[in-house]
N, C-alpha and C. Protein backbone atom coordinates (compact mmCIF):
# COMPACT_ATOMS: atom_id res chain seq x y z
N MET A 1 67.46 -81.97 53.40
CA MET A 1 66.59 -82.79 54.22
C MET A 1 67.41 -83.97 54.73
N THR A 2 67.29 -84.20 56.01
CA THR A 2 68.08 -85.27 56.63
C THR A 2 67.34 -86.60 56.53
N PRO A 3 68.08 -87.70 56.66
CA PRO A 3 67.43 -89.02 56.68
C PRO A 3 66.42 -89.13 57.83
N GLU A 4 66.70 -88.49 58.95
CA GLU A 4 65.79 -88.52 60.09
C GLU A 4 64.47 -87.82 59.75
N GLN A 5 64.54 -86.70 59.04
CA GLN A 5 63.33 -85.98 58.64
C GLN A 5 62.50 -86.83 57.69
N LYS A 6 63.17 -87.45 56.73
CA LYS A 6 62.45 -88.32 55.79
C LYS A 6 61.80 -89.49 56.51
N LYS A 7 62.51 -90.08 57.45
CA LYS A 7 61.98 -91.22 58.21
C LYS A 7 60.74 -90.79 59.00
N ARG A 8 60.79 -89.62 59.63
CA ARG A 8 59.67 -89.13 60.41
C ARG A 8 58.44 -88.94 59.52
N ILE A 9 58.63 -88.38 58.34
CA ILE A 9 57.53 -88.17 57.41
C ILE A 9 57.01 -89.51 56.90
N ASP A 10 57.92 -90.40 56.53
CA ASP A 10 57.52 -91.71 56.02
C ASP A 10 56.69 -92.50 57.02
N GLU A 11 57.01 -92.37 58.29
CA GLU A 11 56.33 -93.14 59.34
C GLU A 11 55.06 -92.48 59.87
N MET A 12 54.84 -91.24 59.50
CA MET A 12 53.68 -90.50 60.01
C MET A 12 52.40 -91.04 59.38
N PRO A 13 51.40 -91.34 60.20
CA PRO A 13 50.11 -91.78 59.65
C PRO A 13 49.47 -90.68 58.80
N TYR A 14 48.71 -91.08 57.80
CA TYR A 14 48.08 -90.11 56.92
C TYR A 14 47.23 -89.10 57.70
N GLU A 15 46.49 -89.57 58.68
CA GLU A 15 45.62 -88.65 59.42
C GLU A 15 46.43 -87.56 60.13
N ASP A 16 47.57 -87.92 60.68
CA ASP A 16 48.44 -86.92 61.32
C ASP A 16 48.98 -85.93 60.30
N MET A 17 49.33 -86.45 59.12
CA MET A 17 49.83 -85.58 58.06
C MET A 17 48.75 -84.59 57.62
N LEU A 18 47.54 -85.09 57.45
CA LEU A 18 46.45 -84.24 57.02
C LEU A 18 46.14 -83.17 58.07
N ARG A 19 46.14 -83.56 59.33
CA ARG A 19 45.89 -82.61 60.42
C ARG A 19 46.94 -81.50 60.39
N MET A 20 48.19 -81.89 60.24
CA MET A 20 49.28 -80.93 60.18
C MET A 20 49.11 -80.00 58.98
N TRP A 21 48.81 -80.58 57.82
CA TRP A 21 48.62 -79.84 56.57
C TRP A 21 47.46 -78.85 56.70
N ARG A 22 46.38 -79.31 57.30
CA ARG A 22 45.16 -78.50 57.39
C ARG A 22 45.29 -77.35 58.39
N PHE A 23 45.99 -77.55 59.49
CA PHE A 23 45.98 -76.57 60.56
C PHE A 23 47.31 -75.84 60.78
N ALA A 24 48.31 -76.14 59.99
CA ALA A 24 49.59 -75.45 60.14
C ALA A 24 49.44 -73.97 59.79
N PRO A 25 50.17 -73.13 60.48
CA PRO A 25 50.12 -71.71 60.14
C PRO A 25 50.77 -71.45 58.77
N VAL A 26 50.36 -70.40 58.15
CA VAL A 26 50.94 -70.01 56.86
C VAL A 26 52.44 -69.83 57.03
N GLY A 27 53.20 -70.39 56.10
CA GLY A 27 54.65 -70.27 56.13
C GLY A 27 55.35 -71.28 57.02
N ASP A 28 54.62 -72.28 57.51
CA ASP A 28 55.22 -73.31 58.36
C ASP A 28 56.41 -73.93 57.63
N PRO A 29 57.58 -73.98 58.27
CA PRO A 29 58.78 -74.51 57.62
C PRO A 29 58.64 -75.96 57.15
N ALA A 30 57.74 -76.72 57.77
CA ALA A 30 57.55 -78.12 57.37
C ALA A 30 57.07 -78.23 55.93
N PHE A 31 56.52 -77.15 55.40
CA PHE A 31 55.96 -77.18 54.05
C PHE A 31 56.71 -76.28 53.08
N GLN A 32 57.93 -75.96 53.42
CA GLN A 32 58.76 -75.10 52.58
C GLN A 32 59.89 -75.91 51.94
N GLY A 33 60.29 -75.52 50.77
CA GLY A 33 61.46 -76.11 50.11
C GLY A 33 61.35 -77.61 49.89
N ASP A 34 62.49 -78.28 49.98
CA ASP A 34 62.55 -79.72 49.75
C ASP A 34 61.70 -80.50 50.76
N ASP A 35 61.67 -80.01 52.00
CA ASP A 35 60.85 -80.67 53.03
C ASP A 35 59.38 -80.66 52.62
N GLY A 36 58.91 -79.53 52.16
CA GLY A 36 57.51 -79.39 51.76
C GLY A 36 57.17 -80.26 50.57
N VAL A 37 58.05 -80.32 49.61
CA VAL A 37 57.82 -81.15 48.43
C VAL A 37 57.76 -82.62 48.83
N TYR A 38 58.69 -83.04 49.68
CA TYR A 38 58.71 -84.44 50.12
C TYR A 38 57.46 -84.76 50.92
N PHE A 39 57.08 -83.87 51.84
CA PHE A 39 55.88 -84.07 52.65
C PHE A 39 54.66 -84.23 51.74
N ARG A 40 54.51 -83.33 50.78
CA ARG A 40 53.38 -83.37 49.86
C ARG A 40 53.36 -84.67 49.06
N ASP A 41 54.51 -85.08 48.56
CA ASP A 41 54.57 -86.29 47.75
C ASP A 41 54.20 -87.54 48.55
N VAL A 42 54.72 -87.63 49.78
CA VAL A 42 54.42 -88.79 50.62
C VAL A 42 52.94 -88.78 51.01
N MET A 43 52.43 -87.62 51.36
CA MET A 43 51.02 -87.51 51.74
C MET A 43 50.11 -87.89 50.58
N THR A 44 50.44 -87.45 49.39
CA THR A 44 49.65 -87.79 48.21
C THR A 44 49.68 -89.29 47.93
N THR A 45 50.84 -89.89 48.07
CA THR A 45 50.98 -91.33 47.86
C THR A 45 50.12 -92.11 48.86
N LYS A 46 50.15 -91.68 50.12
CA LYS A 46 49.35 -92.36 51.14
C LYS A 46 47.86 -92.17 50.87
N ARG A 47 47.45 -90.99 50.47
CA ARG A 47 46.04 -90.73 50.15
C ARG A 47 45.59 -91.60 48.99
N ASN A 48 46.39 -91.66 47.96
CA ASN A 48 46.02 -92.44 46.77
C ASN A 48 46.00 -93.94 47.04
N ALA A 49 46.79 -94.38 48.00
CA ALA A 49 46.82 -95.81 48.34
C ALA A 49 45.56 -96.25 49.08
N ASP A 50 44.89 -95.30 49.73
CA ASP A 50 43.69 -95.64 50.51
C ASP A 50 42.71 -94.46 50.47
N PRO A 51 42.04 -94.23 49.33
CA PRO A 51 41.15 -93.08 49.22
C PRO A 51 40.00 -93.10 50.22
N VAL A 52 39.46 -94.26 50.51
CA VAL A 52 38.36 -94.35 51.47
C VAL A 52 38.86 -93.97 52.87
N GLY A 53 40.02 -94.46 53.22
CA GLY A 53 40.63 -94.10 54.51
C GLY A 53 40.95 -92.62 54.59
N ALA A 54 41.34 -92.04 53.46
CA ALA A 54 41.65 -90.61 53.43
C ALA A 54 40.39 -89.78 53.69
N VAL A 55 39.28 -90.19 53.11
CA VAL A 55 38.01 -89.48 53.36
C VAL A 55 37.64 -89.60 54.82
N GLN A 56 37.78 -90.78 55.39
CA GLN A 56 37.45 -90.96 56.80
C GLN A 56 38.37 -90.13 57.69
N ALA A 57 39.65 -90.07 57.34
CA ALA A 57 40.60 -89.24 58.11
C ALA A 57 40.15 -87.79 58.09
N SER A 58 39.73 -87.31 56.94
CA SER A 58 39.26 -85.94 56.83
C SER A 58 38.04 -85.69 57.71
N LYS A 59 37.13 -86.63 57.71
CA LYS A 59 35.93 -86.51 58.56
C LYS A 59 36.31 -86.54 60.04
N ASN A 60 37.28 -87.39 60.39
CA ASN A 60 37.73 -87.48 61.78
C ASN A 60 38.33 -86.16 62.26
N ILE A 61 39.06 -85.51 61.39
CA ILE A 61 39.76 -84.27 61.76
C ILE A 61 38.79 -83.09 61.79
N GLY A 62 37.92 -83.02 60.81
CA GLY A 62 37.03 -81.87 60.72
C GLY A 62 37.77 -80.62 60.29
N TRP A 63 37.11 -79.48 60.47
CA TRP A 63 37.70 -78.21 60.04
C TRP A 63 37.90 -77.24 61.19
N GLU A 64 37.52 -77.63 62.39
CA GLU A 64 37.70 -76.77 63.57
C GLU A 64 38.84 -77.32 64.41
N LYS A 65 39.69 -76.44 64.89
CA LYS A 65 40.79 -76.86 65.75
C LYS A 65 40.32 -77.12 67.13
């Protein structure tokens, strides 16, 4: 994983991360290997830092593309 990839993930708003997580096709490279582990860890940290905001982000996104 490159520093640029980490920076992009670190700077991504939680809602964008959740949208990507929710609607990515199965096997999306963003969620494979070290990249996937890092993405998951950062997303979890952001969710835990603002649980109310995370619920609102989920409602904003919905389940339909």
